């Protein structure tokens, strides 16, 4: 369960967990419409957006961990980014997805349905990550934006926590309704419950 493969790219260590490879393989096997492959590609582009933005600001990653629930970038801390730069780095991932969605939409044709599907996948991923939930890019951007004001750290964290719970509860309900309606689509429910658990552990 805890097996992982380690690679080194110059000064950066890359950890690829077995669960990630297993989850991707299972999704690709079960998916017959190609949505899973598009989702994986969109997520990769999303994370590359974060990484590229950090590199542009002069911050080198120390370790990149790819697990079952996404990619985590650990920094060296050699460069202290400003709040605006931190906000930009948080929004870089969704920005890449929105850019891809826009470009793909320009090439949408009835005879090429894959372009439309890819555009929708990127748009959905961007909008979801922009939700003001602490574990998501939108939550990080909200925190850095509020931190630039005179509200104070306690007040900022309080607002971010309330924002997370206000969005998460309807999101879980929507995920449950989608599962009941479709009979098989449980992705939103699982992701929402996972985010709620992260929030609960952090607040606890």
N, C-alpha and C. Protein backbone atom coordinates (compact mmCIF):
# COMPACT_ATOMS: atom_id res chain seq x y z
N UNK A 1 0.83 -1.21 0.00
CA UNK A 1 0.00 0.00 0.00
C UNK A 1 0.86 1.26 0.00
N UNK A 2 2.00 1.20 0.73
CA UNK A 2 2.81 2.40 0.84
C UNK A 2 3.96 2.43 -0.15
N UNK A 3 3.98 1.49 -1.10
CA UNK A 3 5.09 1.44 -2.04
C UNK A 3 5.12 2.68 -2.94
N UNK A 4 6.34 3.10 -3.25
CA UNK A 4 6.47 4.26 -4.11
C UNK A 4 7.79 4.18 -4.87
N UNK A 5 7.82 4.86 -5.99
CA UNK A 5 9.02 4.91 -6.81
C UNK A 5 9.60 6.31 -6.74
N UNK A 6 10.90 6.40 -6.56
CA UNK A 6 11.55 7.70 -6.42
C UNK A 6 12.46 7.96 -7.61
N UNK A 7 12.38 9.17 -8.12
CA UNK A 7 13.25 9.62 -9.19
C UNK A 7 13.89 10.94 -8.76
N UNK A 8 14.98 11.28 -9.36
CA UNK A 8 15.62 12.57 -9.07
C UNK A 8 15.87 13.32 -10.35
N UNK A 9 15.31 14.53 -10.42
CA UNK A 9 15.51 15.42 -11.56
C UNK A 9 16.32 16.61 -11.08
N UNK A 10 17.62 16.53 -11.30
CA UNK A 10 18.55 17.53 -10.78
C UNK A 10 18.43 17.60 -9.26
N UNK A 11 17.96 18.73 -8.71
CA UNK A 11 17.87 18.86 -7.26
C UNK A 11 16.49 18.50 -6.72
N UNK A 12 15.59 18.08 -7.58
CA UNK A 12 14.21 17.79 -7.16
C UNK A 12 13.98 16.28 -7.12
N UNK A 13 13.42 15.82 -6.02
CA UNK A 13 13.07 14.41 -5.87
C UNK A 13 11.60 14.22 -6.23
N UNK A 14 11.31 13.25 -7.07
CA UNK A 14 9.94 12.96 -7.49
C UNK A 14 9.53 11.61 -6.92
N UNK A 15 8.43 11.59 -6.18
CA UNK A 15 7.90 10.36 -5.60
C UNK A 15 6.59 10.00 -6.29
N UNK A 16 6.52 8.81 -6.86
CA UNK A 16 5.33 8.32 -7.52
C UNK A 16 4.78 7.15 -6.70
N UNK A 17 3.65 7.36 -6.06
CA UNK A 17 3.08 6.34 -5.20
C UNK A 17 2.35 5.26 -6.01
N UNK A 18 2.39 4.06 -5.49
CA UNK A 18 1.74 2.92 -6.15
C UNK A 18 0.24 3.15 -6.30
N UNK A 19 -0.37 3.75 -5.27
CA UNK A 19 -1.82 3.99 -5.32
C UNK A 19 -2.21 4.88 -6.49
N UNK A 20 -1.35 5.85 -6.80
CA UNK A 20 -1.63 6.74 -7.93
C UNK A 20 -1.63 5.96 -9.23
N UNK A 21 -0.58 5.16 -9.44
CA UNK A 21 -0.50 4.37 -10.66
C UNK A 21 -1.66 3.38 -10.77
N UNK A 22 -2.03 2.79 -9.62
CA UNK A 22 -3.14 1.82 -9.62
C UNK A 22 -4.46 2.51 -9.93
N UNK A 23 -4.67 3.70 -9.35
CA UNK A 23 -5.93 4.43 -9.58
C UNK A 23 -6.05 4.87 -11.03
N UNK A 24 -4.96 5.35 -11.61
CA UNK A 24 -4.97 5.78 -13.01
C UNK A 24 -5.23 4.60 -13.93
N UNK A 25 -4.57 3.48 -13.65
CA UNK A 25 -4.76 2.28 -14.48
C UNK A 25 -6.20 1.80 -14.42
N UNK A 26 -6.78 1.78 -13.21
CA UNK A 26 -8.16 1.33 -13.06
C UNK A 26 -9.12 2.25 -13.80
N UNK A 27 -8.91 3.56 -13.69
CA UNK A 27 -9.79 4.51 -14.38
C UNK A 27 -9.73 4.34 -15.89
N UNK A 28 -8.53 4.15 -16.40
CA UNK A 28 -8.37 4.01 -17.85
C UNK A 28 -8.98 2.71 -18.36
N UNK A 29 -8.95 1.67 -17.52
CA UNK A 29 -9.55 0.39 -17.91
C UNK A 29 -11.07 0.48 -17.92
N UNK A 30 -11.63 1.11 -16.88
CA UNK A 30 -13.08 1.17 -16.75
C UNK A 30 -13.71 2.22 -17.67
N UNK A 31 -12.96 3.24 -18.01
CA UNK A 31 -13.50 4.33 -18.84
C UNK A 31 -13.48 3.94 -20.32
N UNK A 32 -14.63 3.96 -20.92
CA UNK A 32 -14.73 3.60 -22.35
C UNK A 32 -14.91 4.83 -23.24
N UNK A 33 -15.21 5.98 -22.64
CA UNK A 33 -15.46 7.18 -23.45
C UNK A 33 -14.27 8.11 -23.58
N UNK A 34 -13.18 7.79 -22.88
CA UNK A 34 -12.00 8.62 -22.96
C UNK A 34 -11.98 9.79 -22.00
N UNK A 35 -13.01 9.92 -21.15
CA UNK A 35 -13.08 11.04 -20.22
C UNK A 35 -11.97 10.97 -19.18
N UNK A 36 -11.67 9.75 -18.71
CA UNK A 36 -10.64 9.59 -17.68
C UNK A 36 -9.28 10.05 -18.21
N UNK A 37 -8.96 9.66 -19.43
CA UNK A 37 -7.68 10.07 -20.02
C UNK A 37 -7.60 11.59 -20.15
N UNK A 38 -8.71 12.20 -20.57
CA UNK A 38 -8.74 13.66 -20.67
C UNK A 38 -8.60 14.31 -19.30
N UNK A 39 -9.22 13.69 -18.29
CA UNK A 39 -9.12 14.21 -16.93
C UNK A 39 -7.70 14.16 -16.41
N UNK A 40 -7.02 13.05 -16.66
CA UNK A 40 -5.63 12.92 -16.22
C UNK A 40 -4.75 13.96 -16.91
N UNK A 41 -4.94 14.13 -18.22
CA UNK A 41 -4.16 15.11 -18.97
C UNK A 41 -4.43 16.52 -18.47
N UNK A 42 -5.69 16.82 -18.17
CA UNK A 42 -6.06 18.15 -17.67
C UNK A 42 -5.45 18.42 -16.31
N UNK A 43 -5.46 17.39 -15.44
CA UNK A 43 -4.86 17.54 -14.11
C UNK A 43 -3.36 17.75 -14.21
N UNK A 44 -2.72 17.04 -15.14
CA UNK A 44 -1.29 17.21 -15.34
C UNK A 44 -0.96 18.63 -15.80
N UNK A 45 -1.76 19.14 -16.74
CA UNK A 45 -1.57 20.52 -17.21
C UNK A 45 -1.79 21.51 -16.07
N UNK A 46 -2.78 21.23 -15.24
CA UNK A 46 -3.10 22.07 -14.07
C UNK A 46 -1.89 22.17 -13.14
N UNK A 47 -1.32 21.02 -12.78
CA UNK A 47 -0.19 21.02 -11.86
C UNK A 47 1.05 21.65 -12.49
N UNK A 48 1.22 21.46 -13.78
CA UNK A 48 2.34 22.09 -14.48
C UNK A 48 2.21 23.61 -14.44
N UNK A 49 0.98 24.10 -14.43
CA UNK A 49 0.76 25.54 -14.31
C UNK A 49 1.29 26.08 -12.98
N UNK A 50 0.99 25.36 -11.89
CA UNK A 50 1.52 25.75 -10.57
C UNK A 50 3.04 25.73 -10.58
N UNK A 51 3.58 24.62 -11.10
CA UNK A 51 5.03 24.43 -11.08
C UNK A 51 5.74 25.50 -11.91
N UNK A 52 5.22 25.79 -13.09
CA UNK A 52 5.83 26.78 -13.97
C UNK A 52 5.81 28.16 -13.32
N UNK A 53 4.72 28.50 -12.67
CA UNK A 53 4.60 29.81 -12.02
C UNK A 53 5.63 29.93 -10.89
N UNK A 54 5.80 28.87 -10.10
CA UNK A 54 6.79 28.89 -9.03
C UNK A 54 8.20 29.05 -9.58
N UNK A 55 8.48 28.35 -10.68
CA UNK A 55 9.80 28.46 -11.30
C UNK A 55 10.05 29.87 -11.82
N UNK A 56 9.00 30.50 -12.38
CA UNK A 56 9.14 31.86 -12.89
C UNK A 56 9.44 32.85 -11.76
N UNK A 57 8.94 32.53 -10.56
CA UNK A 57 9.20 33.39 -9.40
C UNK A 57 10.53 33.05 -8.72
N UNK A 58 11.24 32.06 -9.28
CA UNK A 58 12.55 31.71 -8.75
C UNK A 58 12.54 30.67 -7.66
N UNK A 59 11.37 30.07 -7.40
CA UNK A 59 11.26 29.04 -6.36
C UNK A 59 11.45 27.66 -6.96
N UNK A 60 12.44 26.93 -6.47
CA UNK A 60 12.72 25.59 -6.97
C UNK A 60 12.01 24.56 -6.10
N UNK A 61 11.33 23.58 -6.69
CA UNK A 61 10.70 22.53 -5.89
C UNK A 61 11.74 21.59 -5.30
N UNK A 62 11.56 21.20 -4.05
CA UNK A 62 12.46 20.26 -3.39
C UNK A 62 12.00 18.82 -3.60
N UNK A 63 10.68 18.64 -3.52
CA UNK A 63 10.12 17.31 -3.73
C UNK A 63 8.73 17.43 -4.36
N UNK A 64 8.45 16.59 -5.33
CA UNK A 64 7.12 16.51 -5.94
C UNK A 64 6.58 15.13 -5.66
N UNK A 65 5.47 15.08 -4.93
CA UNK A 65 4.87 13.80 -4.56
C UNK A 65 3.57 13.62 -5.34
N UNK A 66 3.48 12.53 -6.07
CA UNK A 66 2.29 12.21 -6.85
C UNK A 66 1.59 11.03 -6.19
N UNK A 67 0.43 11.30 -5.59
CA UNK A 67 -0.31 10.27 -4.88
C UNK A 67 -1.69 10.06 -5.45
N UNK A 68 -2.50 9.29 -4.74
CA UNK A 68 -3.84 8.95 -5.22
C UNK A 68 -4.74 10.17 -5.31
N UNK A 69 -4.45 11.21 -4.52
CA UNK A 69 -5.32 12.39 -4.49
C UNK A 69 -4.64 13.63 -5.07
N UNK A 70 -3.71 13.40 -6.00
CA UNK A 70 -3.13 14.54 -6.69
C UNK A 70 -1.64 14.69 -6.44
N UNK A 71 -1.15 15.86 -6.80
CA UNK A 71 0.28 16.14 -6.71
C UNK A 71 0.54 17.22 -5.67
N UNK A 72 1.57 17.01 -4.88
CA UNK A 72 1.95 17.98 -3.87
C UNK A 72 3.37 18.45 -4.14
N UNK A 73 3.56 19.75 -4.14
CA UNK A 73 4.87 20.34 -4.43
C UNK A 73 5.45 20.89 -3.13
N UNK A 74 6.58 20.36 -2.72
CA UNK A 74 7.28 20.86 -1.54
C UNK A 74 8.42 21.77 -2.01
N UNK A 75 8.48 22.95 -1.45
CA UNK A 75 9.46 23.94 -1.90
C UNK A 75 10.73 23.92 -1.06
N UNK A 76 11.78 24.50 -1.61
CA UNK A 76 13.03 24.60 -0.87
C UNK A 76 12.95 25.72 0.16
N UNK A 77 12.12 26.73 -0.12
CA UNK A 77 12.02 27.86 0.79
C UNK A 77 13.14 28.87 0.61
N UNK A 78 13.92 28.68 -0.44
CA UNK A 78 15.05 29.59 -0.68
C UNK A 78 14.58 30.99 -1.06
N UNK A 79 13.39 31.07 -1.66
CA UNK A 79 12.82 32.35 -2.07
C UNK A 79 11.54 32.59 -1.30
N UNK A 80 11.42 33.75 -0.71
CA UNK A 80 10.21 34.10 0.02
C UNK A 80 9.27 34.86 -0.92
N UNK A 81 8.18 34.24 -1.29
CA UNK A 81 7.24 34.85 -2.23
C UNK A 81 6.32 35.83 -1.49
N UNK A 82 5.94 36.88 -2.20
CA UNK A 82 4.99 37.83 -1.63
C UNK A 82 3.59 37.23 -1.66
N UNK A 83 2.66 37.89 -0.98
CA UNK A 83 1.28 37.40 -0.96
C UNK A 83 0.68 37.40 -2.37
N UNK A 84 1.02 38.41 -3.16
CA UNK A 84 0.53 38.47 -4.54
C UNK A 84 1.09 37.31 -5.36
N UNK A 85 2.36 36.99 -5.16
CA UNK A 85 2.97 35.88 -5.88
C UNK A 85 2.38 34.55 -5.45
N UNK A 86 2.12 34.41 -4.15
CA UNK A 86 1.50 33.18 -3.66
C UNK A 86 0.11 33.01 -4.27
N UNK A 87 -0.63 34.10 -4.35
CA UNK A 87 -1.97 34.08 -4.94
C UNK A 87 -1.89 33.71 -6.42
N UNK A 88 -0.92 34.29 -7.11
CA UNK A 88 -0.74 33.99 -8.53
C UNK A 88 -0.38 32.53 -8.75
N UNK A 89 0.49 31.98 -7.88
CA UNK A 89 0.87 30.57 -7.98
C UNK A 89 -0.32 29.67 -7.74
N UNK A 90 -1.20 30.05 -6.81
CA UNK A 90 -2.39 29.25 -6.53
C UNK A 90 -3.36 29.25 -7.70
N UNK A 91 -3.45 30.40 -8.38
CA UNK A 91 -4.41 30.54 -9.49
C UNK A 91 -3.83 30.08 -10.83
N UNK A 92 -2.54 29.78 -10.86
CA UNK A 92 -1.89 29.41 -12.13
C UNK A 92 -2.46 28.11 -12.69
N UNK A 93 -2.76 27.16 -11.81
CA UNK A 93 -3.32 25.88 -12.27
C UNK A 93 -4.66 26.05 -12.97
N UNK A 94 -5.65 26.67 -12.29
CA UNK A 94 -6.93 26.92 -12.97
C UNK A 94 -6.80 27.79 -14.21
N UNK A 95 -5.84 28.72 -14.19
CA UNK A 95 -5.65 29.59 -15.35
C UNK A 95 -5.23 28.79 -16.58
N UNK A 96 -4.36 27.80 -16.38
CA UNK A 96 -3.94 26.94 -17.49
C UNK A 96 -5.13 26.16 -18.04
N UNK A 97 -5.96 25.64 -17.14
CA UNK A 97 -7.15 24.88 -17.58
C UNK A 97 -8.13 25.77 -18.35
N UNK A 98 -8.33 27.00 -17.86
CA UNK A 98 -9.21 27.93 -18.56
C UNK A 98 -8.66 28.29 -19.94
N UNK A 99 -7.35 28.47 -20.01
CA UNK A 99 -6.71 28.78 -21.29
C UNK A 99 -6.89 27.61 -22.27
N UNK A 100 -6.66 26.39 -21.80
CA UNK A 100 -6.84 25.22 -22.64
C UNK A 100 -8.29 25.07 -23.08
N UNK A 101 -9.22 25.33 -22.15
CA UNK A 101 -10.64 25.23 -22.49
C UNK A 101 -11.00 26.23 -23.59
N UNK A 102 -10.46 27.45 -23.49
CA UNK A 102 -10.74 28.46 -24.49
C UNK A 102 -10.17 28.11 -25.85
N UNK A 103 -8.92 27.62 -25.85
CA UNK A 103 -8.28 27.24 -27.12
C UNK A 103 -9.01 26.07 -27.76
N UNK A 104 -9.34 25.06 -26.96
CA UNK A 104 -10.05 23.89 -27.49
C UNK A 104 -11.44 24.25 -28.00
N UNK A 105 -12.09 25.21 -27.33
CA UNK A 105 -13.43 25.63 -27.76
C UNK A 105 -13.39 26.26 -29.15
N UNK A 106 -12.27 26.90 -29.47
CA UNK A 106 -12.15 27.52 -30.79
C UNK A 106 -12.13 26.48 -31.91
N UNK A 107 -11.69 25.26 -31.58
CA UNK A 107 -11.56 24.21 -32.58
C UNK A 107 -12.69 23.18 -32.51
N UNK A 108 -13.70 23.48 -31.69
CA UNK A 108 -14.81 22.54 -31.54
C UNK A 108 -15.57 22.40 -32.86
N UNK A 109 -15.73 21.19 -33.32
CA UNK A 109 -16.49 20.87 -34.52
C UNK A 109 -17.35 19.64 -34.24
N UNK A 110 -18.53 19.56 -34.85
CA UNK A 110 -19.38 18.38 -34.63
C UNK A 110 -18.68 17.08 -34.98
N UNK A 111 -17.81 17.13 -35.98
CA UNK A 111 -17.12 15.91 -36.41
C UNK A 111 -15.94 15.55 -35.50
N UNK A 112 -15.58 16.47 -34.57
CA UNK A 112 -14.48 16.19 -33.63
C UNK A 112 -15.00 16.41 -32.20
N UNK A 113 -15.81 15.48 -31.69
CA UNK A 113 -16.40 15.66 -30.35
C UNK A 113 -15.36 15.65 -29.23
N UNK A 114 -14.18 15.08 -29.50
CA UNK A 114 -13.16 15.02 -28.45
C UNK A 114 -12.71 16.40 -28.01
N UNK A 115 -12.69 17.37 -28.93
CA UNK A 115 -12.28 18.73 -28.58
C UNK A 115 -13.27 19.37 -27.61
N UNK A 116 -14.55 19.16 -27.89
CA UNK A 116 -15.57 19.72 -27.01
C UNK A 116 -15.51 19.08 -25.62
N UNK A 117 -15.31 17.76 -25.59
CA UNK A 117 -15.22 17.07 -24.31
C UNK A 117 -14.00 17.54 -23.53
N UNK A 118 -12.87 17.70 -24.22
CA UNK A 118 -11.65 18.17 -23.56
C UNK A 118 -11.82 19.58 -23.02
N UNK A 119 -12.50 20.42 -23.79
CA UNK A 119 -12.75 21.80 -23.34
C UNK A 119 -13.61 21.80 -22.08
N UNK A 120 -14.64 20.96 -22.06
CA UNK A 120 -15.54 20.89 -20.90
C UNK A 120 -14.82 20.34 -19.66
N UNK A 121 -13.97 19.35 -19.88
CA UNK A 121 -13.22 18.77 -18.76
C UNK A 121 -12.30 19.82 -18.14
N UNK A 122 -11.59 20.57 -18.97
CA UNK A 122 -10.70 21.62 -18.47
C UNK A 122 -11.49 22.73 -17.79
N UNK A 123 -12.63 23.10 -18.36
CA UNK A 123 -13.45 24.15 -17.76
C UNK A 123 -13.98 23.69 -16.41
N UNK A 124 -14.47 22.46 -16.34
CA UNK A 124 -14.98 21.94 -15.08
C UNK A 124 -13.91 21.85 -14.01
N UNK A 125 -12.71 21.42 -14.40
CA UNK A 125 -11.61 21.31 -13.44
C UNK A 125 -11.21 22.68 -12.92
N UNK A 126 -11.18 23.66 -13.81
CA UNK A 126 -10.81 25.02 -13.40
C UNK A 126 -11.84 25.60 -12.43
N UNK A 127 -13.11 25.49 -12.78
CA UNK A 127 -14.16 26.06 -11.94
C UNK A 127 -14.23 25.38 -10.58
N UNK A 128 -14.04 24.05 -10.58
CA UNK A 128 -14.07 23.33 -9.30
C UNK A 128 -12.93 23.77 -8.40
N UNK A 129 -11.73 23.90 -8.97
CA UNK A 129 -10.58 24.29 -8.16
C UNK A 129 -10.64 25.74 -7.70
N UNK A 130 -11.46 26.55 -8.35
CA UNK A 130 -11.61 27.94 -7.95
C UNK A 130 -12.60 28.14 -6.80
N UNK A 131 -13.28 27.05 -6.39
CA UNK A 131 -14.20 27.16 -5.26
C UNK A 131 -13.43 27.56 -4.00
N UNK A 132 -14.01 28.44 -3.17
CA UNK A 132 -13.30 28.93 -1.98
C UNK A 132 -13.28 27.91 -0.84
N UNK A 133 -12.66 26.76 -1.10
CA UNK A 133 -12.49 25.71 -0.11
C UNK A 133 -11.00 25.64 0.22
N UNK A 134 -10.67 25.55 1.49
CA UNK A 134 -9.29 25.70 1.94
C UNK A 134 -8.31 24.78 1.22
N UNK A 135 -8.71 23.55 0.92
CA UNK A 135 -7.80 22.60 0.30
C UNK A 135 -7.61 22.84 -1.20
N UNK A 136 -8.45 23.68 -1.77
CA UNK A 136 -8.40 23.94 -3.21
C UNK A 136 -7.68 25.26 -3.52
N UNK A 137 -7.39 25.46 -4.78
CA UNK A 137 -6.68 26.68 -5.20
C UNK A 137 -7.48 27.94 -4.87
N UNK A 138 -8.79 27.86 -5.02
CA UNK A 138 -9.62 29.02 -4.71
C UNK A 138 -9.54 29.40 -3.24
N UNK A 139 -9.45 28.39 -2.36
CA UNK A 139 -9.31 28.65 -0.94
C UNK A 139 -7.96 29.27 -0.60
N UNK A 140 -6.91 28.78 -1.27
CA UNK A 140 -5.58 29.36 -1.07
C UNK A 140 -5.54 30.81 -1.54
N UNK A 141 -6.13 31.06 -2.70
CA UNK A 141 -6.15 32.42 -3.24
C UNK A 141 -6.94 33.36 -2.32
N UNK A 142 -8.04 32.86 -1.77
CA UNK A 142 -8.84 33.67 -0.84
C UNK A 142 -8.02 34.01 0.40
N UNK A 143 -7.30 33.03 0.92
CA UNK A 143 -6.47 33.26 2.11
C UNK A 143 -5.40 34.31 1.85
N UNK A 144 -4.69 34.19 0.74
CA UNK A 144 -3.61 35.14 0.45
C UNK A 144 -4.17 36.53 0.17
N UNK A 145 -5.34 36.59 -0.47
CA UNK A 145 -5.96 37.89 -0.76
C UNK A 145 -6.37 38.59 0.52
N UNK A 146 -7.02 37.83 1.43
CA UNK A 146 -7.46 38.42 2.70
C UNK A 146 -6.28 38.76 3.60
N UNK A 147 -5.20 37.99 3.48
CA UNK A 147 -4.02 38.25 4.31
C UNK A 147 -3.37 39.58 3.95
N UNK A 148 -3.64 40.05 2.74
CA UNK A 148 -3.07 41.33 2.30
C UNK A 148 -3.86 42.51 2.87
N UNK A 149 -4.97 42.24 3.54
CA UNK A 149 -5.78 43.30 4.15
C UNK A 149 -5.39 43.49 5.61
N UNK A 150 -6.16 44.29 6.32
CA UNK A 150 -5.87 44.56 7.73
C UNK A 150 -6.77 43.75 8.67
N UNK A 151 -7.30 42.64 8.18
CA UNK A 151 -8.24 41.87 8.98
C UNK A 151 -7.57 41.13 10.14
N UNK A 152 -6.33 40.75 9.98
CA UNK A 152 -5.66 39.98 11.02
C UNK A 152 -5.75 38.48 10.72
N UNK A 153 -4.75 37.73 11.19
CA UNK A 153 -4.65 36.31 10.86
C UNK A 153 -5.85 35.49 11.36
N UNK A 154 -6.28 35.74 12.61
CA UNK A 154 -7.40 34.97 13.15
C UNK A 154 -8.67 35.20 12.36
N UNK A 155 -8.95 36.44 12.01
CA UNK A 155 -10.15 36.78 11.26
C UNK A 155 -10.09 36.18 9.85
N UNK A 156 -8.92 36.22 9.24
CA UNK A 156 -8.75 35.65 7.89
C UNK A 156 -9.03 34.16 7.92
N UNK A 157 -8.47 33.45 8.88
CA UNK A 157 -8.69 32.00 8.97
C UNK A 157 -10.14 31.67 9.27
N UNK A 158 -10.78 32.52 10.07
CA UNK A 158 -12.19 32.31 10.38
C UNK A 158 -13.05 32.44 9.12
N UNK A 159 -12.78 33.45 8.32
CA UNK A 159 -13.53 33.65 7.08
C UNK A 159 -13.31 32.49 6.13
N UNK A 160 -12.06 32.04 6.01
CA UNK A 160 -11.74 30.92 5.11
C UNK A 160 -12.42 29.63 5.56
N UNK A 161 -12.46 29.40 6.86
CA UNK A 161 -13.11 28.20 7.39
C UNK A 161 -14.61 28.23 7.12
N UNK A 162 -15.23 29.37 7.37
CA UNK A 162 -16.67 29.49 7.13
C UNK A 162 -17.00 29.36 5.65
N UNK A 163 -16.14 29.94 4.82
CA UNK A 163 -16.34 29.84 3.38
C UNK A 163 -16.29 28.38 2.93
N UNK A 164 -15.34 27.64 3.49
CA UNK A 164 -15.19 26.22 3.13
C UNK A 164 -16.43 25.42 3.48
N UNK A 165 -16.92 25.59 4.68
CA UNK A 165 -18.07 24.79 5.13
C UNK A 165 -19.34 25.19 4.39
N UNK A 166 -19.48 26.49 4.07
CA UNK A 166 -20.66 26.96 3.35
C UNK A 166 -20.72 26.36 1.95
N UNK A 167 -19.56 26.15 1.34
CA UNK A 167 -19.52 25.58 -0.01
C UNK A 167 -19.56 24.05 0.03
N UNK A 168 -18.91 23.45 1.02
CA UNK A 168 -18.79 21.99 1.06
C UNK A 168 -20.11 21.28 1.30
N UNK A 169 -20.94 21.81 2.20
CA UNK A 169 -22.20 21.12 2.52
C UNK A 169 -23.11 21.02 1.29
N UNK A 170 -23.37 22.11 0.56
CA UNK A 170 -24.18 21.97 -0.67
C UNK A 170 -23.50 21.08 -1.71
N UNK A 171 -22.17 21.10 -1.74
CA UNK A 171 -21.44 20.30 -2.72
C UNK A 171 -21.62 18.81 -2.44
N UNK A 172 -21.59 18.43 -1.17
CA UNK A 172 -21.82 17.03 -0.80
C UNK A 172 -23.25 16.62 -1.15
N UNK A 173 -24.21 17.50 -0.88
CA UNK A 173 -25.61 17.21 -1.21
C UNK A 173 -25.79 17.06 -2.72
N UNK A 174 -25.12 17.93 -3.48
CA UNK A 174 -25.19 17.84 -4.94
C UNK A 174 -24.58 16.54 -5.43
N UNK A 175 -23.45 16.14 -4.83
CA UNK A 175 -22.82 14.89 -5.21
C UNK A 175 -23.71 13.70 -4.92
N UNK A 176 -24.40 13.72 -3.77
CA UNK A 176 -25.32 12.63 -3.42
C UNK A 176 -26.50 12.59 -4.38
N UNK A 177 -27.04 13.77 -4.72
CA UNK A 177 -28.17 13.83 -5.65
C UNK A 177 -27.76 13.34 -7.03
N UNK A 178 -26.55 13.67 -7.45
CA UNK A 178 -26.05 13.23 -8.75
C UNK A 178 -25.89 11.72 -8.79
N UNK A 179 -25.43 11.14 -7.68
CA UNK A 179 -25.29 9.69 -7.60
C UNK A 179 -26.64 8.99 -7.68
N UNK A 180 -27.60 9.53 -6.96
CA UNK A 180 -28.95 8.93 -6.96
C UNK A 180 -29.58 9.05 -8.34
N UNK A 181 -29.41 10.22 -8.95
CA UNK A 181 -30.03 10.46 -10.26
C UNK A 181 -29.41 9.60 -11.36
N UNK A 182 -28.07 9.50 -11.35
CA UNK A 182 -27.39 8.76 -12.41
C UNK A 182 -27.29 7.27 -12.12
N UNK A 183 -27.18 6.96 -10.84
CA UNK A 183 -27.04 5.56 -10.46
C UNK A 183 -25.59 5.07 -10.49
N UNK A 184 -24.68 5.88 -10.99
CA UNK A 184 -23.29 5.43 -11.08
C UNK A 184 -22.25 6.54 -10.89
N UNK A 185 -22.62 7.79 -11.09
CA UNK A 185 -21.66 8.88 -11.03
C UNK A 185 -21.43 9.31 -9.58
N UNK A 186 -20.37 8.77 -8.97
CA UNK A 186 -20.09 9.05 -7.57
C UNK A 186 -18.85 9.93 -7.38
N UNK A 187 -18.27 10.42 -8.46
CA UNK A 187 -17.02 11.16 -8.37
C UNK A 187 -17.13 12.42 -7.51
N UNK A 188 -18.15 13.24 -7.78
CA UNK A 188 -18.31 14.48 -7.04
C UNK A 188 -18.53 14.21 -5.55
N UNK A 189 -19.30 13.19 -5.24
CA UNK A 189 -19.58 12.86 -3.83
C UNK A 189 -18.30 12.45 -3.12
N UNK A 190 -17.50 11.59 -3.74
CA UNK A 190 -16.26 11.13 -3.12
C UNK A 190 -15.29 12.28 -2.91
N UNK A 191 -15.13 13.12 -3.93
CA UNK A 191 -14.21 14.26 -3.81
C UNK A 191 -14.68 15.24 -2.74
N UNK A 192 -15.98 15.48 -2.69
CA UNK A 192 -16.54 16.42 -1.70
C UNK A 192 -16.36 15.90 -0.28
N UNK A 193 -16.62 14.62 -0.08
CA UNK A 193 -16.46 14.01 1.25
C UNK A 193 -14.98 14.03 1.65
N UNK A 194 -14.11 13.75 0.70
CA UNK A 194 -12.66 13.79 0.97
C UNK A 194 -12.23 15.20 1.39
N UNK A 195 -12.70 16.22 0.69
CA UNK A 195 -12.37 17.59 1.05
C UNK A 195 -12.93 17.97 2.41
N UNK A 196 -14.12 17.47 2.71
CA UNK A 196 -14.73 17.73 4.02
C UNK A 196 -13.91 17.08 5.13
N UNK A 197 -13.42 15.86 4.87
CA UNK A 197 -12.59 15.17 5.86
C UNK A 197 -11.28 15.93 6.10
N UNK A 198 -10.68 16.43 5.03
CA UNK A 198 -9.47 17.24 5.17
C UNK A 198 -9.74 18.48 6.03
N UNK A 199 -10.87 19.11 5.74
CA UNK A 199 -11.26 20.31 6.49
C UNK A 199 -11.49 19.97 7.97
N UNK A 200 -12.16 18.85 8.22
CA UNK A 200 -12.49 18.43 9.59
C UNK A 200 -11.21 18.15 10.39
N UNK A 201 -10.28 17.43 9.76
CA UNK A 201 -9.02 17.11 10.44
C UNK A 201 -8.22 18.38 10.72
N UNK A 202 -8.19 19.29 9.76
CA UNK A 202 -7.45 20.53 9.94
C UNK A 202 -8.06 21.38 11.05
N UNK A 203 -9.37 21.45 11.08
CA UNK A 203 -10.03 22.27 12.10
C UNK A 203 -9.98 21.61 13.47
N UNK A 204 -9.94 20.28 13.46
CA UNK A 204 -9.88 19.55 14.73
C UNK A 204 -8.52 19.64 15.39
